[in-house]
PDB file of N, CA and C in Angstrom:
ATOM      1  N   MET A   1     112.056  91.067  93.780  1.00  0.00           N
ATOM      2  CA  MET A   1     112.151  91.460  95.013  1.00  0.00           C
ATOM      3  C   MET A   1     111.459  91.365  96.421  1.00  0.00           C
ATOM      4  N   ALA A   2     109.920  91.392  95.995  1.00  0.00           N
ATOM      5  CA  ALA A   2     109.129  90.920  97.461  1.00  0.00           C
ATOM      6  C   ALA A   2     109.650  90.113  98.022  1.00  0.00           C
ATOM      7  N   ALA A   3     109.720  89.027  97.028  1.00  0.00           N
ATOM      8  CA  ALA A   3     110.244  87.556  97.603  1.00  0.00           C
ATOM      9  C   ALA A   3     111.779  87.756  98.372  1.00  0.00           C
ATOM     10  N   LEU A   4     112.313  88.541  98.326  1.00  0.00           N
ATOM     11  CA  LEU A   4     113.749  88.825  99.338  1.00  0.00           C
ATOM     12  C   LEU A   4     113.117  89.476 100.348  1.00  0.00           C
ATOM     13  N   VAL A   5     112.410  90.252 100.520  1.00  0.00           N
ATOM     14  CA  VAL A   5     111.608  91.084 101.539  1.00  0.00           C
ATOM     15  C   VAL A   5     111.367  90.057 102.368  1.00  0.00           C
ATOM     16  N   VAL A   6     110.541  89.417 101.920  1.00  0.00           N
ATOM     17  CA  VAL A   6     109.436  88.539 102.812  1.00  0.00           C
ATOM     18  C   VAL A   6     110.301  87.527 103.632  1.00  0.00           C
ATOM     19  N   GLU A   7     111.682  87.256 102.577  1.00  0.00           N
ATOM     20  CA  GLU A   7     112.276  85.940 103.395  1.00  0.00           C
ATOM     21  C   GLU A   7     113.468  86.340 104.352  1.00  0.00           C
ATOM     22  N   THR A   8     113.629  87.599 103.890  1.00  0.00           N
ATOM     23  CA  THR A   8     114.565  88.024 105.158  1.00  0.00           C
ATOM     24  C   THR A   8     113.780  88.542 106.610  1.00  0.00           C
ATOM     25  N   ALA A   9     112.852  88.926 106.118  1.00  0.00           N
ATOM     26  CA  ALA A   9     112.066  89.319 107.761  1.00  0.00           C
ATOM     27  C   ALA A   9     111.453  88.181 107.869  1.00  0.00           C
ATOM     28  N   ARG A  10     111.616  86.814 107.282  1.00  0.00           N
ATOM     29  CA  ARG A  10     111.063  85.671 107.890  1.00  0.00           C
ATOM     30  C   ARG A  10     112.282  85.067 108.823  1.00  0.00           C
ATOM     31  N   HIS A  11     113.475  85.099 107.935  1.00  0.00           N
ATOM     32  CA  HIS A  11     114.699  84.448 108.820  1.00  0.00           C
ATOM     33  C   HIS A  11     115.012  85.547 110.029  1.00  0.00           C
ATOM     34  N   ILE A  12     115.200  86.667 109.691  1.00  0.00           N
ATOM     35  CA  ILE A  12     115.536  87.547 110.970  1.00  0.00           C
ATOM     36  C   ILE A  12     114.611  87.532 112.260  1.00  0.00           C
ATOM     37  N   LEU A  13     112.693  87.195 111.999  1.00  0.00           N
ATOM     38  CA  LEU A  13     112.481  86.914 113.018  1.00  0.00           C
ATOM     39  C   LEU A  13     112.102  85.236 113.341  1.00  0.00           C
ATOM     40  N   ASP A  14     112.949  84.523 113.045  1.00  0.00           N
ATOM     41  CA  ASP A  14     113.319  83.184 113.303  1.00  0.00           C
ATOM     42  C   ASP A  14     114.639  83.295 114.161  1.00  0.00           C
ATOM     43  N   TYR A  15     115.458  83.947 113.863  1.00  0.00           N
ATOM     44  CA  TYR A  15     116.496  84.213 114.476  1.00  0.00           C
ATOM     45  C   TYR A  15     116.090  85.057 115.697  1.00  0.00           C
ATOM     46  N   THR A  16     115.512  85.853 115.906  1.00  0.00           N
ATOM     47  CA  THR A  16     115.705  87.041 116.953  1.00  0.00           C
ATOM     48  C   THR A  16     114.070  86.727 117.633  1.00  0.00           C
ATOM     49  N   GLY A  17     113.226  86.434 117.004  1.00  0.00           N
ATOM     50  CA  GLY A  17     111.798  86.627 117.755  1.00  0.00           C
ATOM     51  C   GLY A  17     111.494  87.834 117.705  1.00  0.00           C
ATOM     52  N   GLY A  18     110.324  87.924 118.531  1.00  0.00           N
ATOM     53  CA  GLY A  18     109.677  89.378 118.850  1.00  0.00           C
ATOM     54  C   GLY A  18     109.350  89.939 117.579  1.00  0.00           C
ATOM     55  N   THR A  19     109.143  91.254 117.857  1.00  0.00           N
ATOM     56  CA  THR A  19     108.322  92.331 116.758  1.00  0.00           C
ATOM     57  C   THR A  19     109.487  92.314 115.539  1.00  0.00           C
ATOM     58  N   LEU A  20     109.149  92.138 114.228  1.00  0.00           N
ATOM     59  CA  LEU A  20     110.273  93.135 113.318  1.00  0.00           C
ATOM     60  C   LEU A  20     109.631  94.281 113.107  1.00  0.00           C
ATOM     61  N   VAL A  21     110.570  95.072 113.147  1.00  0.00           N
ATOM     62  CA  VAL A  21     110.029  96.831 112.476  1.00  0.00           C
ATOM     63  C   VAL A  21     110.941  96.865 111.267  1.00  0.00           C
ATOM     64  N   MET A  22     110.039  97.302 110.112  1.00  0.00           N
ATOM     65  CA  MET A  22     110.736  97.214 108.694  1.00  0.00           C
ATOM     66  C   MET A  22     110.245  98.893 108.282  1.00  0.00           C
ATOM     67  N   PRO A  23     111.358  99.897 108.630  1.00  0.00           N
ATOM     68  CA  PRO A  23     111.407 101.177 107.914  1.00  0.00           C
ATOM     69  C   PRO A  23     111.700 101.192 106.476  1.00  0.00           C
ATOM     70  N   MET A  24     110.706 100.951 105.463  1.00  0.00           N
ATOM     71  CA  MET A  24     110.767 101.402 103.823  1.00  0.00           C
ATOM     72  C   MET A  24     109.454 101.672 103.820  1.00  0.00           C
ATOM     73  N   THR A  25     109.767 102.158 102.538  1.00  0.00           N
ATOM     74  CA  THR A  25     108.924 103.157 101.830  1.00  0.00           C
ATOM     75  C   THR A  25     108.569 102.318 100.594  1.00  0.00           C
ATOM     76  N   VAL A  26     107.175 102.062 100.146  1.00  0.00           N
ATOM     77  CA  VAL A  26     106.710 101.213  99.120  1.00  0.00           C
ATOM     78  C   VAL A  26     105.964 102.109  98.341  1.00  0.00           C
ATOM     79  N   LEU A  27     105.747 102.602  97.501  1.00  0.00           N
ATOM     80  CA  LEU A  27     105.181 103.613  96.273  1.00  0.00           C
ATOM     81  C   LEU A  27     104.470 102.969  95.602  1.00  0.00           C
ATOM     82  N   VAL A  28     104.747 101.297  95.167  1.00  0.00           N
ATOM     83  CA  VAL A  28     104.210 100.902  94.171  1.00  0.00           C
ATOM     84  C   VAL A  28     103.300  99.816  94.598  1.00  0.00           C
ATOM     85  N   GLU A  29     101.782  99.863  94.304  1.00  0.00           N
ATOM     86  CA  GLU A  29     100.952  98.957  94.804  1.00  0.00           C
ATOM     87  C   GLU A  29     101.116  97.277  94.566  1.00  0.00           C
ATOM     88  N   GLN A  30     101.118  97.330  93.524  1.00  0.00           N
ATOM     89  CA  GLN A  30     101.678  95.727  93.281  1.00  0.00           C
ATOM     90  C   GLN A  30     103.235  95.493  94.328  1.00  0.00           C
ATOM     91  N   TYR A  31     103.735  96.119  94.579  1.00  0.00           N
ATOM     92  CA  TYR A  31     105.114  95.606  95.296  1.00  0.00           C
ATOM     93  C   TYR A  31     104.256  95.209  96.648  1.00  0.00           C
ATOM     94  N   TRP A  32     103.682  96.228  97.146  1.00  0.00           N
ATOM     95  CA  TRP A  32     103.163  96.078  98.316  1.00  0.00           C
ATOM     96  C   TRP A  32     102.247  95.065  98.656  1.00  0.00           C
ATOM     97  N   ARG A  33     101.445  94.521  97.994  1.00  0.00           N
ATOM     98  CA  ARG A  33     100.699  93.770  97.573  1.00  0.00           C
ATOM     99  C   ARG A  33     101.497  92.332  97.841  1.00  0.00           C
ATOM    100  N   GLU A  34     102.348  92.314  96.913  1.00  0.00           N
ATOM    101  CA  GLU A  34     103.576  90.845  96.997  1.00  0.00           C
ATOM    102  C   GLU A  34     104.379  90.708  98.508  1.00  0.00           C
ATOM    103  N   ILE A  35     104.770  91.938  98.903  1.00  0.00           N
ATOM    104  CA  ILE A  35     105.283  92.069 100.369  1.00  0.00           C
ATOM    105  C   ILE A  35     104.023  91.415 101.340  1.00  0.00           C
ATOM    106  N   SER A  36     102.640  92.114 101.153  1.00  0.00           N
ATOM    107  CA  SER A  36     102.163  91.941 102.412  1.00  0.00           C
ATOM    108  C   SER A  36     101.575  90.585 102.349  1.00  0.00           C
ATOM    109  N   SER A  37     100.982  90.278 101.060  1.00  0.00           N
ATOM    110  CA  SER A  37     100.590  88.842 100.770  1.00  0.00           C
ATOM    111  C   SER A  37     101.545  87.471 101.410  1.00  0.00           C
ATOM    112  N   GLY A  38     102.996  88.227 100.809  1.00  0.00           N
ATOM    113  CA  GLY A  38     104.294  86.992 101.085  1.00  0.00           C
ATOM    114  C   GLY A  38     104.235  86.787 102.953  1.00  0.00           C
ATOM    115  N   LEU A  39     104.064  87.692 103.331  1.00  0.00           N
ATOM    116  CA  LEU A  39     104.303  88.451 105.164  1.00  0.00           C
ATOM    117  C   LEU A  39     102.957  86.950 105.445  1.00  0.00           C
ATOM    118  N   ALA A  40     102.060  87.242 105.279  1.00  0.00           N
ATOM    119  CA  ALA A  40     100.773  86.861 105.580  1.00  0.00           C
ATOM    120  C   ALA A  40     100.868  84.854 105.390  1.00  0.00           C
ATOM    121  N   ARG A  41     101.386  84.575 104.151  1.00  0.00           N
ATOM    122  CA  ARG A  41     101.758  83.345 103.859  1.00  0.00           C
ATOM    123  C   ARG A  41     102.653  82.782 105.437  1.00  0.00           C
ATOM    124  N   HIS A  42     103.225  83.822 105.373  1.00  0.00           N
ATOM    125  CA  HIS A  42     104.384  82.979 106.750  1.00  0.00           C
ATOM    126  C   HIS A  42     103.543  83.379 107.945  1.00  0.00           C
ATOM    127  N   ASP A  43     102.298  83.968 107.962  1.00  0.00           N
ATOM    128  CA  ASP A  43     102.069  83.957 109.549  1.00  0.00           C
ATOM    129  C   ASP A  43     102.499  85.235 110.590  1.00  0.00           C
ATOM    130  N   ILE A  44     103.194  86.352 109.692  1.00  0.00           N
ATOM    131  CA  ILE A  44     103.959  87.284 109.965  1.00  0.00           C
ATOM    132  C   ILE A  44     102.624  88.502 109.915  1.00  0.00           C
ATOM    133  N   PRO A  45     102.522  88.778 111.255  1.00  0.00           N
ATOM    134  CA  PRO A  45     101.416  90.100 111.506  1.00  0.00           C
ATOM    135  C   PRO A  45     102.149  91.536 111.175  1.00  0.00           C
ATOM    136  N   VAL A  46     101.402  92.179 110.424  1.00  0.00           N
ATOM    137  CA  VAL A  46     101.844  93.403 109.695  1.00  0.00           C
ATOM    138  C   VAL A  46     101.206  94.395 110.145  1.00  0.00           C
ATOM    139  N   ARG A  47     101.784  95.458 110.733  1.00  0.00           N
ATOM    140  CA  ARG A  47     101.067  96.839 111.354  1.00  0.00           C
ATOM    141  C   ARG A  47     101.698  97.711 110.086  1.00  0.00           C
ATOM    142  N   HIS A  48     101.004  98.488 109.255  1.00  0.00           N
ATOM    143  CA  HIS A  48     101.772  99.404 108.269  1.00  0.00           C
ATOM    144  C   HIS A  48     101.294 100.840 108.699  1.00  0.00           C
ATOM    145  N   PHE A  49     102.290 101.327 108.825  1.00  0.00           N
ATOM    146  CA  PHE A  49     102.378 102.839 109.272  1.00  0.00           C
ATOM    147  C   PHE A  49     102.704 103.645 108.120  1.00  0.00           C
ATOM    148  N   VAL A  50     102.198 104.640 107.358  1.00  0.00           N
ATOM    149  CA  VAL A  50     102.569 105.758 107.135  1.00  0.00           C
ATOM    150  C   VAL A  50     102.932 106.957 107.651  1.00  0.00           C
ATOM    151  N   LEU A  51     104.379 107.831 107.445  1.00  0.00           N
ATOM    152  CA  LEU A  51     104.576 108.677 108.109  1.00  0.00           C
ATOM    153  C   LEU A  51     104.383 109.562 107.222  1.00  0.00           C
ATOM    154  N   HIS A  52     103.444 110.351 106.827  1.00  0.00           N
ATOM    155  CA  HIS A  52     102.494 111.657 106.136  1.00  0.00           C
ATOM    156  C   HIS A  52     103.164 112.710 106.773  1.00  0.00           C
ATOM    157  N   ALA A  53     103.260 113.924 105.873  1.00  0.00           N
ATOM    158  CA  ALA A  53     103.543 115.362 105.617  1.00  0.00           C
ATOM    159  C   ALA A  53     103.160 115.859 104.704  1.00  0.00           C
ATOM    160  N   ASP A  54     102.581 117.218 104.448  1.00  0.00           N
ATOM    161  CA  ASP A  54     102.018 117.641 103.230  1.00  0.00           C
ATOM    162  C   ASP A  54     103.555 117.989 102.363  1.00  0.00           C
ATOM    163  N   GLN A  55     103.303 118.392 100.947  1.00  0.00           N
ATOM    164  CA  GLN A  55     104.382 118.539 100.354  1.00  0.00           C
ATOM    165  C   GLN A  55     105.014 119.794 100.655  1.00  0.00           C
ATOM    166  N   ASP A  56     104.595 120.768 100.993  1.00  0.00           N
ATOM    167  CA  ASP A  56     105.474 121.916 101.582  1.00  0.00           C
ATOM    168  C   ASP A  56     106.238 121.784 102.707  1.00  0.00           C
ATOM    169  N   THR A  57     105.907 120.984 103.862  1.00  0.00           N
ATOM    170  CA  THR A  57     106.556 120.324 105.088  1.00  0.00           C
ATOM    171  C   THR A  57     107.834 119.249 104.574  1.00  0.00           C
ATOM    172  N   LEU A  58     107.751 118.540 103.559  1.00  0.00           N
ATOM    173  CA  LEU A  58     108.710 117.440 102.987  1.00  0.00           C
ATOM    174  C   LEU A  58     109.439 118.372 102.205  1.00  0.00           C
ATOM    175  N   ARG A  59     109.142 119.081 101.491  1.00  0.00           N
ATOM    176  CA  ARG A  59     110.607 119.826 100.898  1.00  0.00           C
ATOM    177  C   ARG A  59     110.940 120.781 101.431  1.00  0.00           C
ATOM    178  N   ALA A  60     110.770 121.442 102.914  1.00  0.00           N
ATOM    179  CA  ALA A  60     111.052 122.330 103.481  1.00  0.00           C
ATOM    180  C   ALA A  60     112.229 121.648 104.203  1.00  0.00           C
ATOM    181  N   ARG A  61     111.745 120.433 104.975  1.00  0.00           N
ATOM    182  CA  ARG A  61     112.733 118.968 105.711  1.00  0.00           C
ATOM    183  C   ARG A  61     113.787 118.791 104.891  1.00  0.00           C
ATOM    184  N   ILE A  62     113.506 118.546 103.343  1.00  0.00           N
ATOM    185  CA  ILE A  62     114.659 118.062 102.283  1.00  0.00           C
ATOM    186  C   ILE A  62     115.674 119.872 102.407  1.00  0.00           C
ATOM    187  N   ALA A  63     114.836 120.888 102.184  1.00  0.00           N
ATOM    188  CA  ALA A  63     115.848 121.826 102.478  1.00  0.00           C
ATOM    189  C   ALA A  63     116.803 122.228 103.407  1.00  0.00           C
ATOM    190  N   GLY A  64     116.325 121.775 104.570  1.00  0.00           N
ATOM    191  CA  GLY A  64     116.799 122.046 105.914  1.00  0.00           C
ATOM    192  C   GLY A  64     117.803 120.933 106.398  1.00  0.00           C
ATOM    193  N   ASP A  65     117.908 120.067 105.489  1.00  0.00           N
ATOM    194  CA  ASP A  65     118.300 118.526 105.912  1.00  0.00           C
ATOM    195  C   ASP A  65     119.772 119.047 105.846  1.00  0.00           C
ATOM    196  N   THR A  66     120.455 118.832 106.876  1.00  0.00           N
ATOM    197  CA  THR A  66     122.161 119.134 107.009  1.00  0.00           C
ATOM    198  C   THR A  66     122.925 118.102 106.846  1.00  0.00           C
ATOM    199  N   VAL A  67     122.503 116.683 106.805  1.00  0.00           N
ATOM    200  CA  VAL A  67     123.064 115.453 106.317  1.00  0.00           C
ATOM    201  C   VAL A  67     123.440 115.239 105.142  1.00  0.00           C
ATOM    202  N   LEU A  68     122.061 115.053 104.486  1.00  0.00           N
ATOM    203  CA  LEU A  68     121.990 114.908 102.921  1.00  0.00           C
ATOM    204  C   LEU A  68     121.988 116.171 102.349  1.00  0.00           C
ATOM    205  N   GLY A  69     121.953 117.582 102.875  1.00  0.00           N
ATOM    206  CA  GLY A  69     121.987 118.666 102.227  1.00  0.00           C
ATOM    207  C   GLY A  69     120.421 118.916 101.436  1.00  0.00           C
ATOM    208  N   PRO A  70     120.245 119.922 100.585  1.00  0.00           N
ATOM    209  CA  PRO A  70     119.388 120.348 100.358  1.00  0.00           C
ATOM    210  C   PRO A  70     118.546 120.034  98.859  1.00  0.00           C
ATOM    211  N   ASP A  71     119.988 119.496  98.476  1.00  0.00           N
ATOM    212  CA  ASP A  71     119.831 119.435  97.150  1.00  0.00           C
ATOM    213  C   ASP A  71     119.758 117.634  96.683  1.00  0.00           C
ATOM    214  N   SER A  72     118.711 116.926  97.536  1.00  0.00           N
ATOM    215  CA  SER A  72     118.964 115.330  97.567  1.00  0.00           C
ATOM    216  C   SER A  72     117.889 114.952  96.323  1.00  0.00           C
ATOM    217  N   PRO A  73     118.569 114.820  95.301  1.00  0.00           N
ATOM    218  CA  PRO A  73     117.862 114.332  93.741  1.00  0.00           C
ATOM    219  C   PRO A  73     116.666 113.142  94.141  1.00  0.00           C
ATOM    220  N   PHE A  74     117.320 112.352  94.866  1.00  0.00           N
ATOM    221  CA  PHE A  74     116.836 110.969  95.178  1.00  0.00           C
ATOM    222  C   PHE A  74     115.664 111.370  96.227  1.00  0.00           C
ATOM    223  N   ARG A  75     115.637 112.146  96.972  1.00  0.00           N
ATOM    224  CA  ARG A  75     114.284 112.446  97.624  1.00  0.00           C
ATOM    225  C   ARG A  75     113.209 113.212  96.620  1.00  0.00           C
ATOM    226  N   LEU A  76     113.870 114.015  96.204  1.00  0.00           N
ATOM    227  CA  LEU A  76     112.597 115.005  95.676  1.00  0.00           C
ATOM    228  C   LEU A  76     111.986 114.417  94.152  1.00  0.00           C
ATOM    229  N   ARG A  77     113.164 113.374  93.482  1.00  0.00           N
ATOM    230  CA  ARG A  77     112.217 112.808  92.907  1.00  0.00           C
ATOM    231  C   ARG A  77     111.167 111.790  92.948  1.00  0.00           C
ATOM    232  N   TYR A  78     111.017 111.653  94.280  1.00  0.00           N
ATOM    233  CA  TYR A  78     110.086 111.030  95.137  1.00  0.00           C
ATOM    234  C   TYR A  78     108.712 111.716  95.637  1.00  0.00           C
ATOM    235  N   LEU A  79     108.704 112.747  95.501  1.00  0.00           N
ATOM    236  CA  LEU A  79     108.009 113.434  96.058  1.00  0.00           C
ATOM    237  C   LEU A  79     106.703 113.632  95.623  1.00  0.00           C
ATOM    238  N   GLU A  80     106.351 113.329  94.265  1.00  0.00           N
ATOM    239  CA  GLU A  80     105.218 113.523  93.463  1.00  0.00           C
ATOM    240  C   GLU A  80     105.004 111.933  93.443  1.00  0.00           C
ATOM    241  N   PRO A  81     105.459 111.074  93.192  1.00  0.00           N
ATOM    242  CA  PRO A  81     105.194 109.198  93.615  1.00  0.00           C
ATOM    243  C   PRO A  81     104.582 109.131  94.396  1.00  0.00           C
ATOM    244  N   TYR A  82     105.071 110.089  95.806  1.00  0.00           N
ATOM    245  CA  TYR A  82     104.468 109.647  97.050  1.00  0.00           C
ATOM    246  C   TYR A  82     102.865 110.025  97.543  1.00  0.00           C
ATOM    247  N   ALA A  83     102.830 111.456  96.695  1.00  0.00           N
ATOM    248  CA  ALA A  83     101.667 111.982  96.440  1.00  0.00           C
ATOM    249  C   ALA A  83     100.736 111.552  95.696  1.00  0.00           C
ATOM    250  N   GLU A  84     101.077 110.871  94.574  1.00  0.00           N
ATOM    251  CA  GLU A  84      99.621 110.011  94.023  1.00  0.00           C
ATOM    252  C   GLU A  84      99.688 108.613  94.592  1.00  0.00           C
ATOM    253  N   ALA A  85     100.700 108.336  95.491  1.00  0.00           N
ATOM    254  CA  ALA A  85     100.217 106.782  96.087  1.00  0.00           C
ATOM    255  C   ALA A  85      99.422 107.305  96.884  1.00  0.00           C
ATOM    256  N   ALA A  86      99.668 107.978  98.047  1.00  0.00           N
ATOM    257  CA  ALA A  86      98.773 108.758  98.739  1.00  0.00           C
ATOM    258  C   ALA A  86      97.279 108.767  98.440  1.00  0.00           C
ATOM    259  N   ARG A  87      97.255 109.194  97.378  1.00  0.00           N
ATOM    260  CA  ARG A  87      96.169 109.714  96.516  1.00  0.00           C
ATOM    261  C   ARG A  87      95.076 108.417  96.355  1.00  0.00           C
ATOM    262  N   THR A  88      95.980 107.829  95.813  1.00  0.00           N
ATOM    263  CA  THR A  88      95.054 106.529  94.862  1.00  0.00           C
ATOM    264  C   THR A  88      95.247 105.088  95.620  1.00  0.00           C
ATOM    265  N   TRP A  89      96.317 104.801  96.294  1.00  0.00           N
ATOM    266  CA  TRP A  89      95.901 103.492  97.257  1.00  0.00           C
ATOM    267  C   TRP A  89      96.736 103.252  98.926  1.00  0.00           C
ATOM    268  N   LEU A  90      98.059 104.212  98.862  1.00  0.00           N
ATOM    269  CA  LEU A  90      98.793 103.992 100.282  1.00  0.00           C
ATOM    270  C   LEU A  90      97.946 104.106 101.476  1.00  0.00           C
ATOM    271  N   HIS A  91      97.306 105.587 101.680  1.00  0.00           N
ATOM    272  CA  HIS A  91      96.432 105.909 102.915  1.00  0.00           C
ATOM    273  C   HIS A  91      95.388 104.742 103.393  1.00  0.00           C
ATOM    274  N   ALA A  92      95.112 104.449 102.139  1.00  0.00           N
ATOM    275  CA  ALA A  92      94.118 103.231 102.134  1.00  0.00           C
ATOM    276  C   ALA A  92      94.366 101.908 102.817  1.00  0.00           C
ATOM    277  N   GLU A  93      95.473 101.652 102.854  1.00  0.00           N
ATOM    278  CA  GLU A  93      96.651 100.230 103.037  1.00  0.00           C
ATOM    279  C   GLU A  93      97.043 100.614 104.567  1.00  0.00           C
ATOM    280  N   ALA A  94      97.217 101.747 105.549  1.00  0.00           N
ATOM    281  CA  ALA A  94      97.838 101.602 106.267  1.00  0.00           C
ATOM    282  C   ALA A  94      97.173 102.788 107.378  1.00  0.00           C
ATOM    283  N   GLU A  95      98.205 102.724 108.438  1.00  0.00           N
ATOM    284  CA  GLU A  95      97.486 103.493 109.478  1.00  0.00           C
ATOM    285  C   GLU A  95      98.591 104.911 109.097  1.00  0.00           C
ATOM    286  N   VAL A  96      97.757 105.968 108.950  1.00  0.00           N
ATOM    287  CA  VAL A  96      98.771 107.362 108.655  1.00  0.00           C
ATOM    288  C   VAL A  96      98.755 107.852 109.947  1.00  0.00           C
ATOM    289  N   ILE A  97     100.143 108.513 110.036  1.00  0.00           N
ATOM    290  CA  ILE A  97     100.485 109.354 110.988  1.00  0.00           C
ATOM    291  C   ILE A  97     100.862 110.435 110.349  1.00  0.00           C
ATOM    292  N   ASP A  98     100.052 111.513 110.501  1.00  0.00           N
ATOM    293  CA  ASP A  98     100.403 112.830 110.072  1.00  0.00           C
ATOM    294  C   ASP A  98     101.473 113.571 110.600  1.00  0.00           C
ATOM    295  N   THR A  99     102.838 113.553 110.488  1.00  0.00           N
ATOM    296  CA  THR A  99     104.077 114.316 110.627  1.00  0.00           C
ATOM    297  C   THR A  99     104.163 115.489 110.793  1.00  0.00           C
ATOM    298  N   THR A 100     103.314 116.225 109.951  1.00  0.00           N
ATOM    299  CA  THR A 100     103.501 117.777 109.483  1.00  0.00           C
ATOM    300  C   THR A 100     104.219 118.807 110.420  1.00  0.00           C
ATOM    301  N   HIS A 101     103.004 118.435 111.904  1.00  0.00           N
ATOM    302  CA  HIS A 101     103.681 119.454 113.003  1.00  0.00           C
ATOM    303  C   HIS A 101     104.157 118.369 113.884  1.00  0.00           C
ATOM    304  N   LEU A 102     104.566 117.585 113.328  1.00  0.00           N
ATOM    305  CA  LEU A 102     105.213 116.464 114.801  1.00  0.00           C
ATOM    306  C   LEU A 102     107.083 116.547 114.959  1.00  0.00           C
ATOM    307  N   THR A 103     107.431 116.207 115.998  1.00  0.00           N
ATOM    308  CA  THR A 103     108.965 116.075 116.148  1.00  0.00           C
ATOM    309  C   THR A 103     108.809 114.638 115.712  1.00  0.00           C
ATOM    310  N   PRO A 104     110.027 114.248 115.569  1.00  0.00           N
ATOM    311  CA  PRO A 104     110.258 112.716 115.322  1.00  0.00           C
ATOM    312  C   PRO A 104     109.872 112.148 116.310  1.00  0.00           C
ATOM    313  N   ALA A 105     110.447 112.331 117.700  1.00  0.00           N
ATOM    314  CA  ALA A 105     109.876 112.005 119.139  1.00  0.00           C
ATOM    315  C   ALA A 105     108.577 111.877 118.965  1.00  0.00           C
ATOM    316  N   GLN A 106     107.658 112.718 118.620  1.00  0.00           N
ATOM    317  CA  GLN A 106     106.383 112.748 118.711  1.00  0.00           C
ATOM    318  C   GLN A 106     105.867 111.709 117.729  1.00  0.00           C
ATOM    319  N   ALA A 107     106.203 111.542 116.296  1.00  0.00           N
ATOM    320  CA  ALA A 107     105.409 110.673 115.216  1.00  0.00           C
ATOM    321  C   ALA A 107     105.886 108.999 116.079  1.00  0.00           C
ATOM    322  N   ALA A 108     107.258 109.126 116.383  1.00  0.00           N
ATOM    323  CA  ALA A 108     107.402 107.980 117.204  1.00  0.00           C
ATOM    324  C   ALA A 108     106.459 107.431 118.397  1.00  0.00           C
ATOM    325  N   GLU A 109     105.908 108.310 118.976  1.00  0.00           N
ATOM    326  CA  GLU A 109     105.372 107.992 120.219  1.00  0.00           C
ATOM    327  C   GLU A 109     103.975 107.649 119.709  1.00  0.00           C
ATOM    328  N   GLN A 110     103.608 108.290 118.593  1.00  0.00           N
ATOM    329  CA  GLN A 110     101.990 107.654 118.314  1.00  0.00           C
ATOM    330  C   GLN A 110     102.074 106.487 117.953  1.00  0.00           C
ATOM    331  N   ILE A 111     103.421 106.318 116.953  1.00  0.00           N
ATOM    332  CA  ILE A 111     103.513 104.689 116.854  1.00  0.00           C
ATOM    333  C   ILE A 111     103.111 103.747 117.700  1.00  0.00           C
ATOM    334  N   VAL A 112     104.264 103.944 118.905  1.00  0.00           N
ATOM    335  CA  VAL A 112     104.359 102.603 120.137  1.00  0.00           C
ATOM    336  C   VAL A 112     102.971 103.205 120.610  1.00  0.00           C
ATOM    337  N   GLY A 113     102.104 104.099 120.582  1.00  0.00           N
ATOM    338  CA  GLY A 113     100.795 104.164 121.460  1.00  0.00           C
ATOM    339  C   GLY A 113      99.778 103.129 120.591  1.00  0.00           C
ATOM    340  N   ALA A 114      99.691 103.522 119.018  1.00  0.00           N
ATOM    341  CA  ALA A 114      99.349 102.473 118.220  1.00  0.00           C
ATOM    342  C   ALA A 114      98.969 101.011 118.244  1.00  0.00           C
ATOM    343  N   VAL A 115     100.093 100.728 118.602  1.00  0.00           N
ATOM    344  CA  VAL A 115     100.790  99.761 118.764  1.00  0.00           C
ATOM    345  C   VAL A 115     100.363  98.665 120.123  1.00  0.00           C
ATOM    346  N   LYS A 116     100.493  99.734 120.821  1.00  0.00           N
ATOM    347  CA  LYS A 116     100.320  99.083 122.306  1.00  0.00           C
ATOM    348  C   LYS A 116      98.846  99.105 122.620  1.00  0.00           C
ATOM    349  N   SER A 117      98.007  99.810 121.572  1.00  0.00           N
ATOM    350  CA  SER A 117      96.579  99.683 122.442  1.00  0.00           C
ATOM    351  C   SER A 117      95.879  98.557 121.479  1.00  0.00           C
TER     352      SER A 117
END
């Protein structure tokens, strides 16, 4: 699966040029290692950002979601795996943007600012 992610990214960049932004959540360290090393083999630069929020905020955001609704078993199922990945490896591998008290626009501004600096 990681090879497919890498090949897709490579083909998109070959076609479009510029900077590729891939919004995806990776909670399995080995999978992240395969993706990041595959991108590196193709000389594709990576800026890895994690949009973090504490568990209470995440639960409140899920509960208040008017599109998917408050009973999103998919998102609720990944709260603890995210917390475990954050504690053990994920935050050490990324630039963490704490979104607990940010709007989506403010979080985007922080990423843009980090990329431009």
